[in-house]
Amino acid sequence: MATLWNTGTTGVAVGSVTDSNVGEFPWSTTCPIGSALPAGTTCTITTQFKPSALGAQGATLVINANAQAETLSLTGTGVAAVNLQLSIAPSTGSATTQFALTLTGATPSGQLSLHTTYIPTPGNADITFSTTIWTADPSGQLTVTSSHDSPGTFENWFVDTATGLSSNHVVSVVE
């Protein structure tokens, strides 16, 4: 965000704002372009970064005001979107069945919290599961293997602590 101040006693002409890459660095303004910024007021020019490609991107923003041009360099890096996907195999089994939760799309080498809820089958006691912390590998993948010894339905999901994004929720059933 760029802020223009008029600390003088008369209006200051705001001529134009140009952006060399408006597609990836769109901007908006509260400034009176083509008019005068009143004495004792401010206005702002705000840019965003919306990359259309991976890697380094750039633009030049030129603000013409008070018969002078101010040039600002804008830079950003486009990265692949994080899409946490959790699968569980098998989805049903006995109390001795090993369940493997496999996660992809996490922050590489990032921390993940595993959340589990449990709905017991009739006649079984409820169990509360504490959130556990795991670390993804350098490619953003993680596999957790466990077995549950209580009949019922287990719902599991991860939250990427770096991004705050949650994986899809998956359900496994112990018969």
Protein backbone atom coordinates (compact mmCIF):
# COMPACT_ATOMS: atom_id res chain seq x y z
CA MET A 1 0.00 0.00 0.00
CA ALA A 2 1.27 3.47 -0.87
CA THR A 3 -0.09 6.51 0.92
CA LEU A 4 -0.11 10.02 -0.53
CA TRP A 5 -0.22 12.89 1.98
CA ASN A 6 -1.05 16.47 1.20
CA THR A 7 0.32 18.46 4.13
CA GLY A 8 0.01 21.73 2.24
CA THR A 9 -2.70 24.36 2.22
CA THR A 10 -3.91 23.83 -1.37
CA GLY A 11 -4.98 20.82 -3.43
CA VAL A 12 -2.33 18.67 -5.16
CA ALA A 13 -2.96 17.20 -8.62
CA VAL A 14 -3.06 13.42 -8.82
CA GLY A 15 -2.37 12.71 -12.48
CA SER A 16 -2.31 8.94 -12.98
CA VAL A 17 -1.39 5.49 -11.72
CA THR A 18 0.03 2.92 -14.14
CA ASP A 19 0.87 -0.72 -13.55
CA SER A 20 3.07 -2.75 -15.92
CA ASN A 21 1.48 -6.06 -14.87
CA VAL A 22 -2.07 -5.32 -13.72
CA GLY A 23 -3.13 -8.95 -14.32
CA GLU A 24 -0.90 -10.26 -11.53
CA PHE A 25 -0.67 -7.06 -9.47
CA PRO A 26 -4.15 -5.51 -9.58
CA TRP A 27 -4.56 -2.23 -7.71
CA SER A 28 -7.25 -0.02 -6.28
CA THR A 29 -7.15 3.52 -4.98
CA THR A 30 -8.92 6.08 -2.86
CA CYS A 31 -7.00 8.86 -4.65
CA PRO A 32 -8.84 11.33 -6.90
CA ILE A 33 -7.05 10.43 -10.16
CA GLY A 34 -7.34 13.24 -12.67
CA SER A 35 -8.31 15.64 -9.91
CA ALA A 36 -6.79 17.21 -6.80
CA LEU A 37 -6.08 15.71 -3.39
CA PRO A 38 -7.49 18.28 -0.94
CA ALA A 39 -5.17 20.04 1.52
CA GLY A 40 -4.58 18.17 4.79
CA THR A 41 -5.83 14.78 3.50
CA THR A 42 -4.41 11.44 2.45
CA CYS A 43 -5.29 8.74 -0.06
CA THR A 44 -3.99 5.24 -0.70
CA ILE A 45 -3.07 2.99 -3.58
CA THR A 46 -3.32 -0.68 -2.68
CA THR A 47 -1.92 -3.55 -4.74
CA GLN A 48 -2.54 -7.28 -4.51
CA PHE A 49 -0.57 -10.25 -5.80
CA LYS A 50 -2.54 -12.78 -7.86
CA PRO A 51 0.05 -14.88 -9.70
CA SER A 52 -0.94 -16.56 -12.93
CA ALA A 53 2.25 -18.64 -13.06
CA LEU A 54 4.73 -20.29 -10.71
CA GLY A 55 7.99 -18.52 -9.85
CA ALA A 56 9.16 -14.94 -9.53
CA GLN A 57 6.80 -12.28 -10.88
CA GLY A 58 7.20 -8.53 -10.99
CA ALA A 59 5.63 -5.24 -11.99
CA THR A 60 6.31 -1.53 -11.90
CA LEU A 61 3.76 0.83 -10.38
CA VAL A 62 4.13 4.48 -11.36
CA ILE A 63 2.26 7.17 -9.42
CA ASN A 64 2.12 10.63 -10.99
CA ALA A 65 1.17 13.31 -8.44
CA ASN A 66 2.18 16.94 -7.87
CA ALA A 67 3.85 16.94 -11.32
CA GLN A 68 6.29 14.20 -10.23
CA ALA A 69 6.49 10.47 -10.88
CA GLU A 70 7.19 7.94 -8.14
CA THR A 71 8.16 4.46 -9.35
CA LEU A 72 7.64 1.43 -7.13
CA SER A 73 8.85 -2.12 -7.87
CA LEU A 74 6.39 -4.90 -7.04
CA THR A 75 7.59 -8.50 -6.66
CA GLY A 76 6.08 -11.81 -5.63
CA THR A 77 6.61 -15.53 -6.02
CA GLY A 78 3.86 -17.77 -7.36
CA VAL A 79 3.72 -21.13 -5.59
CA ALA A 80 1.61 -24.23 -6.07
CA ALA A 81 -1.62 -24.22 -4.10
CA VAL A 82 -1.69 -26.40 -1.01
CA ASN A 83 -4.35 -29.06 -1.32
CA LEU A 84 -4.20 -31.40 1.66
CA GLN A 85 -5.59 -34.80 0.80
CA LEU A 86 -6.00 -37.55 3.36
CA SER A 87 -6.79 -41.15 2.58
CA ILE A 88 -7.15 -44.13 4.88
CA ALA A 89 -6.72 -47.77 4.03
CA PRO A 90 -8.52 -49.94 4.79
CA SER A 91 -11.68 -48.06 5.71
CA THR A 92 -13.11 -50.89 7.83
CA GLY A 93 -11.59 -53.68 9.87
CA SER A 94 -11.36 -55.48 13.18
CA ALA A 95 -9.63 -54.25 16.34
CA THR A 96 -6.38 -55.82 15.11
CA THR A 97 -6.48 -54.13 11.70
CA GLN A 98 -3.68 -51.68 10.99
CA PHE A 99 -5.09 -48.44 9.52
CA ALA A 100 -2.76 -46.26 7.44
CA LEU A 101 -3.57 -42.55 7.13
CA THR A 102 -1.70 -41.07 4.18
CA LEU A 103 -1.52 -37.31 3.67
CA THR A 104 -0.23 -35.43 0.61
CA GLY A 105 0.03 -31.74 -0.24
CA ALA A 106 1.23 -30.48 3.15
CA THR A 107 3.90 -27.84 3.71
CA PRO A 108 7.22 -29.62 2.97
CA SER A 109 8.85 -30.66 6.29
CA GLY A 110 6.01 -28.79 8.04
CA GLN A 111 4.17 -29.55 11.25
CA LEU A 112 0.69 -31.09 11.11
CA SER A 113 -1.82 -31.68 13.86
CA LEU A 114 -3.86 -34.88 13.68
CA HIS A 115 -7.41 -34.62 14.99
CA THR A 116 -9.54 -37.68 15.78
CA THR A 117 -13.13 -38.04 16.94
CA TYR A 118 -14.78 -41.29 17.96
CA ILE A 119 -18.39 -42.46 18.04
CA PRO A 120 -18.60 -45.77 19.92
CA THR A 121 -20.87 -48.58 18.85
CA PRO A 122 -23.72 -49.12 21.35
CA GLY A 123 -22.47 -50.58 24.61
CA ASN A 124 -18.93 -49.19 24.30
CA ALA A 125 -17.50 -46.27 26.25
CA ASP A 126 -16.68 -42.96 24.58
CA ILE A 127 -13.00 -42.14 24.12
CA THR A 128 -11.52 -38.65 23.81
CA PHE A 129 -8.45 -38.33 21.60
CA SER A 130 -5.83 -35.64 22.16
CA THR A 131 -4.52 -33.79 19.14
CA THR A 132 -1.10 -35.11 18.13
CA ILE A 133 1.65 -33.34 16.18
CA TRP A 134 3.42 -34.91 13.20
CA THR A 135 6.01 -33.71 10.67
CA ALA A 136 5.61 -34.07 6.90
CA ASP A 137 8.54 -35.25 4.82
CA PRO A 138 10.40 -32.86 2.47
CA SER A 139 7.82 -33.52 -0.29
CA GLY A 140 4.85 -32.66 1.98
CA GLN A 141 3.73 -36.25 2.56
CA LEU A 142 3.04 -38.14 5.79
CA THR A 143 1.81 -41.64 6.63
CA VAL A 144 0.59 -42.53 10.12
CA THR A 145 -0.23 -46.17 10.93
CA SER A 146 -2.35 -47.14 13.92
CA SER A 147 -4.86 -49.65 15.14
CA HIS A 148 -7.93 -48.90 17.22
CA ASP A 149 -9.13 -51.44 19.76
CA SER A 150 -12.61 -50.04 20.37
CA PRO A 151 -15.53 -50.81 18.06
CA GLY A 152 -17.01 -47.68 16.51
CA THR A 153 -16.48 -44.96 13.94
CA PHE A 154 -13.31 -42.85 13.87
CA GLU A 155 -13.07 -39.56 11.97
CA ASN A 156 -9.57 -38.21 11.25
CA TRP A 157 -8.20 -35.01 9.69
CA PHE A 158 -4.96 -33.05 9.65
CA VAL A 159 -4.40 -29.31 9.97
CA ASP A 160 -1.25 -27.84 8.41
CA THR A 161 0.09 -25.53 11.14
CA ALA A 162 2.01 -23.36 8.64
CA THR A 163 -1.03 -22.55 6.50
CA GLY A 164 -3.95 -23.32 8.82
CA LEU A 165 -5.51 -25.43 6.07
CA SER A 166 -7.40 -28.57 6.98
CA SER A 167 -7.34 -31.82 5.05
CA ASN A 168 -10.52 -33.58 4.07
CA HIS A 169 -12.05 -35.67 6.88
CA VAL A 170 -11.92 -39.44 6.49
CA VAL A 171 -13.81 -42.08 8.39
CA SER A 172 -12.73 -45.57 9.45
CA VAL A 173 -14.88 -48.17 11.18
CA VAL A 174 -13.75 -50.79 13.67
CA GLU A 175 -16.25 -53.66 13.78
